[in-house]
Amino acid sequence: MSNTTKSKVNQVIDNKEKLFSDTNISMKTGHLVRDAEIVGDGKFAKIRIASNKQYLSSQDEGVIETKTNYFDSLVSSNLTKAFETAKELKKGDWVYLKGEDSTRSVDTPEGFKETASTIFAYKVVLKKKKINEASSQTPDKPEAPTNEPSAA
């Protein structure tokens, strides 16, 4: 490949990178707060995730504080693979979402402005299914002893 061709190829790559440099892309991971819900006459799967952020407290040295953030997401049925994954999600499942943020605001009758953000996800990945406590105990494995008196 000649230097001129290489230069043109690199210029095309640079232009594509500039084209997407200001694109609104959001990536989130967290646990489902409730089961996925099908809304809009079956056109969207609506999911809500909770994601924790841990940090050191500024007042007490060595104390780790946790803040939980909640994110709403919609997945279009036009995105077949993501939609099929999203509609099967259950409360407690750990998921990864990739999509675009959309923010809307409304003025309330009380005179306040409320703002809500939604992720329009185009990629949904089930990272880990919630382990059902009832199905995790097998007949070969005895139940853990309890300190409760038996009803004899």
C-alpha atoms as a PDB file:
ATOM      1  CA  MET A   1       0.000   0.000   0.000  1.00  0.00           C
ATOM      2  CA  SER A   2       1.435   3.345  -1.030  1.00  0.00           C
ATOM      3  CA  ASN A   3       1.900   6.223   1.387  1.00  0.00           C
ATOM      4  CA  THR A   4      -0.836   8.200  -0.377  1.00  0.00           C
ATOM      5  CA  THR A   5      -3.326   5.353   0.067  1.00  0.00           C
ATOM      6  CA  LYS A   6      -2.336   4.927   3.722  1.00  0.00           C
ATOM      7  CA  SER A   7      -2.829   8.646   4.249  1.00  0.00           C
ATOM      8  CA  LYS A   8      -6.314   8.543   2.715  1.00  0.00           C
ATOM      9  CA  VAL A   9      -7.280   5.500   4.808  1.00  0.00           C
ATOM     10  CA  ASN A  10      -6.080   7.217   7.985  1.00  0.00           C
ATOM     11  CA  GLN A  11      -8.019  10.368   7.044  1.00  0.00           C
ATOM     12  CA  VAL A  12     -11.225   8.342   6.594  1.00  0.00           C
ATOM     13  CA  ILE A  13     -10.692   6.664   9.982  1.00  0.00           C
ATOM     14  CA  ASP A  14     -10.082  10.060  11.641  1.00  0.00           C
ATOM     15  CA  ASN A  15     -13.278  11.458  10.097  1.00  0.00           C
ATOM     16  CA  LYS A  16     -15.315   8.482  11.356  1.00  0.00           C
ATOM     17  CA  GLU A  17     -13.897   8.902  14.852  1.00  0.00           C
ATOM     18  CA  LYS A  18     -14.798  12.613  14.806  1.00  0.00           C
ATOM     19  CA  LEU A  19     -18.284  11.735  13.597  1.00  0.00           C
ATOM     20  CA  PHE A  20     -18.920   9.602  16.691  1.00  0.00           C
ATOM     21  CA  SER A  21     -16.866  11.634  19.173  1.00  0.00           C
ATOM     22  CA  ASP A  22     -19.943  13.542  20.362  1.00  0.00           C
ATOM     23  CA  THR A  23     -22.363  10.612  20.373  1.00  0.00           C
ATOM     24  CA  ASN A  24     -24.414  10.089  23.511  1.00  0.00           C
ATOM     25  CA  ILE A  25     -23.455   6.597  24.694  1.00  0.00           C
ATOM     26  CA  SER A  26     -24.153   5.302  28.189  1.00  0.00           C
ATOM     27  CA  MET A  27     -23.016   2.013  29.740  1.00  0.00           C
ATOM     28  CA  LYS A  28     -24.517   0.799  33.013  1.00  0.00           C
ATOM     29  CA  THR A  29     -24.401  -2.361  35.058  1.00  0.00           C
ATOM     30  CA  GLY A  30     -26.587  -3.247  38.000  1.00  0.00           C
ATOM     31  CA  HIS A  31     -29.254  -5.498  39.457  1.00  0.00           C
ATOM     32  CA  LEU A  32     -32.887  -5.396  38.361  1.00  0.00           C
ATOM     33  CA  VAL A  33     -35.161  -3.746  40.920  1.00  0.00           C
ATOM     34  CA  ARG A  34     -38.209  -5.619  39.562  1.00  0.00           C
ATOM     35  CA  ASP A  35     -39.082  -8.016  36.750  1.00  0.00           C
ATOM     36  CA  ALA A  36     -38.953  -6.637  33.213  1.00  0.00           C
ATOM     37  CA  GLU A  37     -42.267  -5.237  32.031  1.00  0.00           C
ATOM     38  CA  ILE A  38     -43.603  -5.176  28.465  1.00  0.00           C
ATOM     39  CA  VAL A  39     -45.160  -1.767  27.684  1.00  0.00           C
ATOM     40  CA  GLY A  40     -46.421   0.208  24.688  1.00  0.00           C
ATOM     41  CA  ASP A  41     -48.545  -2.582  23.211  1.00  0.00           C
ATOM     42  CA  GLY A  42     -45.559  -4.954  23.278  1.00  0.00           C
ATOM     43  CA  LYS A  43     -43.180  -2.532  21.563  1.00  0.00           C
ATOM     44  CA  PHE A  44     -40.832  -1.971  24.524  1.00  0.00           C
ATOM     45  CA  ALA A  45     -39.341  -3.845  27.458  1.00  0.00           C
ATOM     46  CA  LYS A  46     -39.070  -1.562  30.483  1.00  0.00           C
ATOM     47  CA  ILE A  47     -36.396  -2.346  33.055  1.00  0.00           C
ATOM     48  CA  ARG A  48     -35.061  -0.551  36.135  1.00  0.00           C
ATOM     49  CA  ILE A  49     -31.656  -1.279  37.609  1.00  0.00           C
ATOM     50  CA  ALA A  50     -29.903  -0.309  40.824  1.00  0.00           C
ATOM     51  CA  SER A  51     -26.178   0.324  40.797  1.00  0.00           C
ATOM     52  CA  ASN A  52     -24.019   0.924  43.863  1.00  0.00           C
ATOM     53  CA  LYS A  53     -21.144   3.357  44.141  1.00  0.00           C
ATOM     54  CA  GLN A  54     -18.716   2.979  47.027  1.00  0.00           C
ATOM     55  CA  TYR A  55     -16.368   5.683  48.220  1.00  0.00           C
ATOM     56  CA  LEU A  56     -14.378   6.737  51.264  1.00  0.00           C
ATOM     57  CA  SER A  57     -16.215   9.149  53.517  1.00  0.00           C
ATOM     58  CA  SER A  58     -14.726  12.629  53.609  1.00  0.00           C
ATOM     59  CA  GLN A  59     -15.493  13.053  57.325  1.00  0.00           C
ATOM     60  CA  ASP A  60     -14.389   9.716  58.801  1.00  0.00           C
ATOM     61  CA  GLU A  61     -11.139   8.228  57.591  1.00  0.00           C
ATOM     62  CA  GLY A  62     -11.416   4.641  56.484  1.00  0.00           C
ATOM     63  CA  VAL A  63     -15.221   4.531  56.455  1.00  0.00           C
ATOM     64  CA  ILE A  64     -16.630   3.223  53.195  1.00  0.00           C
ATOM     65  CA  GLU A  65     -19.968   4.726  52.200  1.00  0.00           C
ATOM     66  CA  THR A  66     -22.346   3.329  49.594  1.00  0.00           C
ATOM     67  CA  LYS A  67     -24.698   5.288  47.373  1.00  0.00           C
ATOM     68  CA  THR A  68     -27.307   3.541  45.228  1.00  0.00           C
ATOM     69  CA  ASN A  69     -28.328   5.027  41.890  1.00  0.00           C
ATOM     70  CA  TYR A  70     -31.391   3.906  39.956  1.00  0.00           C
ATOM     71  CA  PHE A  71     -31.677   3.861  36.169  1.00  0.00           C
ATOM     72  CA  ASP A  72     -34.729   3.348  33.962  1.00  0.00           C
ATOM     73  CA  SER A  73     -34.275   1.748  30.565  1.00  0.00           C
ATOM     74  CA  LEU A  74     -36.408   0.942  27.538  1.00  0.00           C
ATOM     75  CA  VAL A  75     -35.535  -1.651  24.901  1.00  0.00           C
ATOM     76  CA  SER A  76     -37.340  -1.540  21.548  1.00  0.00           C
ATOM     77  CA  SER A  77     -38.781  -4.711  20.059  1.00  0.00           C
ATOM     78  CA  ASN A  78     -37.098  -3.635  16.781  1.00  0.00           C
ATOM     79  CA  LEU A  79     -33.796  -4.617  18.400  1.00  0.00           C
ATOM     80  CA  THR A  80     -34.627  -8.312  18.431  1.00  0.00           C
ATOM     81  CA  LYS A  81     -31.645  -9.746  20.339  1.00  0.00           C
ATOM     82  CA  ALA A  82     -31.645  -7.065  23.049  1.00  0.00           C
ATOM     83  CA  PHE A  83     -35.455  -7.192  23.364  1.00  0.00           C
ATOM     84  CA  GLU A  84     -35.511 -11.005  23.725  1.00  0.00           C
ATOM     85  CA  THR A  85     -32.888 -10.784  26.482  1.00  0.00           C
ATOM     86  CA  ALA A  86     -34.578  -7.856  28.247  1.00  0.00           C
ATOM     87  CA  LYS A  87     -38.092  -9.304  28.372  1.00  0.00           C
ATOM     88  CA  GLU A  88     -36.858 -12.422  30.204  1.00  0.00           C
ATOM     89  CA  LEU A  89     -35.052 -10.527  32.981  1.00  0.00           C
ATOM     90  CA  LYS A  90     -36.189 -11.038  36.563  1.00  0.00           C
ATOM     91  CA  LYS A  91     -35.747  -9.086  39.788  1.00  0.00           C
ATOM     92  CA  GLY A  92     -32.209  -9.486  41.115  1.00  0.00           C
ATOM     93  CA  ASP A  93     -30.581 -10.407  37.782  1.00  0.00           C
ATOM     94  CA  TRP A  94     -27.277  -8.633  37.153  1.00  0.00           C
ATOM     95  CA  VAL A  95     -27.245  -6.936  33.716  1.00  0.00           C
ATOM     96  CA  TYR A  96     -25.112  -4.737  31.505  1.00  0.00           C
ATOM     97  CA  LEU A  97     -26.830  -2.067  29.402  1.00  0.00           C
ATOM     98  CA  LYS A  98     -25.460   0.027  26.575  1.00  0.00           C
ATOM     99  CA  GLY A  99     -27.520   2.711  24.933  1.00  0.00           C
ATOM    100  CA  GLU A 100     -28.356   6.381  24.626  1.00  0.00           C
ATOM    101  CA  ASP A 101     -29.514   8.642  27.448  1.00  0.00           C
ATOM    102  CA  SER A 102     -32.641  10.687  26.991  1.00  0.00           C
ATOM    103  CA  THR A 103     -33.683  13.362  29.468  1.00  0.00           C
ATOM    104  CA  ARG A 104     -37.073  14.981  29.740  1.00  0.00           C
ATOM    105  CA  SER A 105     -38.343  17.589  32.159  1.00  0.00           C
ATOM    106  CA  VAL A 106     -41.817  18.722  33.132  1.00  0.00           C
ATOM    107  CA  ASP A 107     -43.133  21.592  35.195  1.00  0.00           C
ATOM    108  CA  THR A 108     -45.287  20.380  38.071  1.00  0.00           C
ATOM    109  CA  PRO A 109     -48.502  22.143  39.146  1.00  0.00           C
ATOM    110  CA  GLU A 110     -46.597  23.196  42.306  1.00  0.00           C
ATOM    111  CA  GLY A 111     -44.134  25.136  40.167  1.00  0.00           C
ATOM    112  CA  PHE A 112     -41.185  22.721  40.377  1.00  0.00           C
ATOM    113  CA  LYS A 113     -39.264  21.278  37.463  1.00  0.00           C
ATOM    114  CA  GLU A 114     -38.918  17.496  37.506  1.00  0.00           C
ATOM    115  CA  THR A 115     -36.296  15.825  35.361  1.00  0.00           C
ATOM    116  CA  ALA A 116     -36.084  12.132  34.476  1.00  0.00           C
ATOM    117  CA  SER A 117     -33.534  10.251  32.416  1.00  0.00           C
ATOM    118  CA  THR A 118     -34.096   7.043  30.487  1.00  0.00           C
ATOM    119  CA  ILE A 119     -31.566   4.838  28.748  1.00  0.00           C
ATOM    120  CA  PHE A 120     -32.726   3.635  25.331  1.00  0.00           C
ATOM    121  CA  ALA A 121     -30.683   0.435  25.391  1.00  0.00           C
ATOM    122  CA  TYR A 122     -29.568  -1.218  22.201  1.00  0.00           C
ATOM    123  CA  LYS A 123     -27.412  -3.835  23.949  1.00  0.00           C
ATOM    124  CA  VAL A 124     -28.570  -5.896  26.931  1.00  0.00           C
ATOM    125  CA  VAL A 125     -26.378  -8.614  28.437  1.00  0.00           C
ATOM    126  CA  LEU A 126     -27.396 -10.875  31.320  1.00  0.00           C
ATOM    127  CA  LYS A 127     -24.219 -11.009  33.406  1.00  0.00           C
ATOM    128  CA  LYS A 128     -25.535 -13.276  36.167  1.00  0.00           C
ATOM    129  CA  LYS A 129     -28.953 -14.704  36.902  1.00  0.00           C
ATOM    130  CA  LYS A 130     -30.207 -14.255  40.458  1.00  0.00           C
ATOM    131  CA  ILE A 131     -29.762 -17.475  42.396  1.00  0.00           C
ATOM    132  CA  ASN A 132     -33.097 -18.696  43.694  1.00  0.00           C
ATOM    133  CA  GLU A 133     -32.660 -19.705  47.343  1.00  0.00           C
ATOM    134  CA  ALA A 134     -35.202 -22.529  47.059  1.00  0.00           C
ATOM    135  CA  SER A 135     -33.494 -24.158  44.064  1.00  0.00           C
ATOM    136  CA  SER A 136     -29.962 -23.773  45.487  1.00  0.00           C
ATOM    137  CA  GLN A 137     -30.565 -26.452  48.134  1.00  0.00           C
ATOM    138  CA  THR A 138     -30.216 -29.969  46.815  1.00  0.00           C
ATOM    139  CA  PRO A 139     -31.527 -33.187  48.448  1.00  0.00           C
ATOM    140  CA  ASP A 140     -27.911 -34.371  48.951  1.00  0.00           C
ATOM    141  CA  LYS A 141     -27.087 -31.234  50.916  1.00  0.00           C
ATOM    142  CA  PRO A 142     -28.694 -31.005  54.373  1.00  0.00           C
ATOM    143  CA  GLU A 143     -30.231 -27.733  55.468  1.00  0.00           C
ATOM    144  CA  ALA A 144     -28.229 -25.525  57.795  1.00  0.00           C
ATOM    145  CA  PRO A 145     -29.140 -26.039  61.467  1.00  0.00           C
ATOM    146  CA  THR A 146     -31.186 -23.334  63.133  1.00  0.00           C
ATOM    147  CA  ASN A 147     -31.334 -22.202  66.732  1.00  0.00           C
ATOM    148  CA  GLU A 148     -35.132 -22.277  66.734  1.00  0.00           C
ATOM    149  CA  PRO A 149     -36.761 -24.861  68.989  1.00  0.00           C
ATOM    150  CA  SER A 150     -38.397 -27.745  67.186  1.00  0.00           C
ATOM    151  CA  ALA A 151     -42.160 -28.166  67.378  1.00  0.00           C
ATOM    152  CA  ALA A 152     -42.202 -31.646  68.981  1.00  0.00           C
END
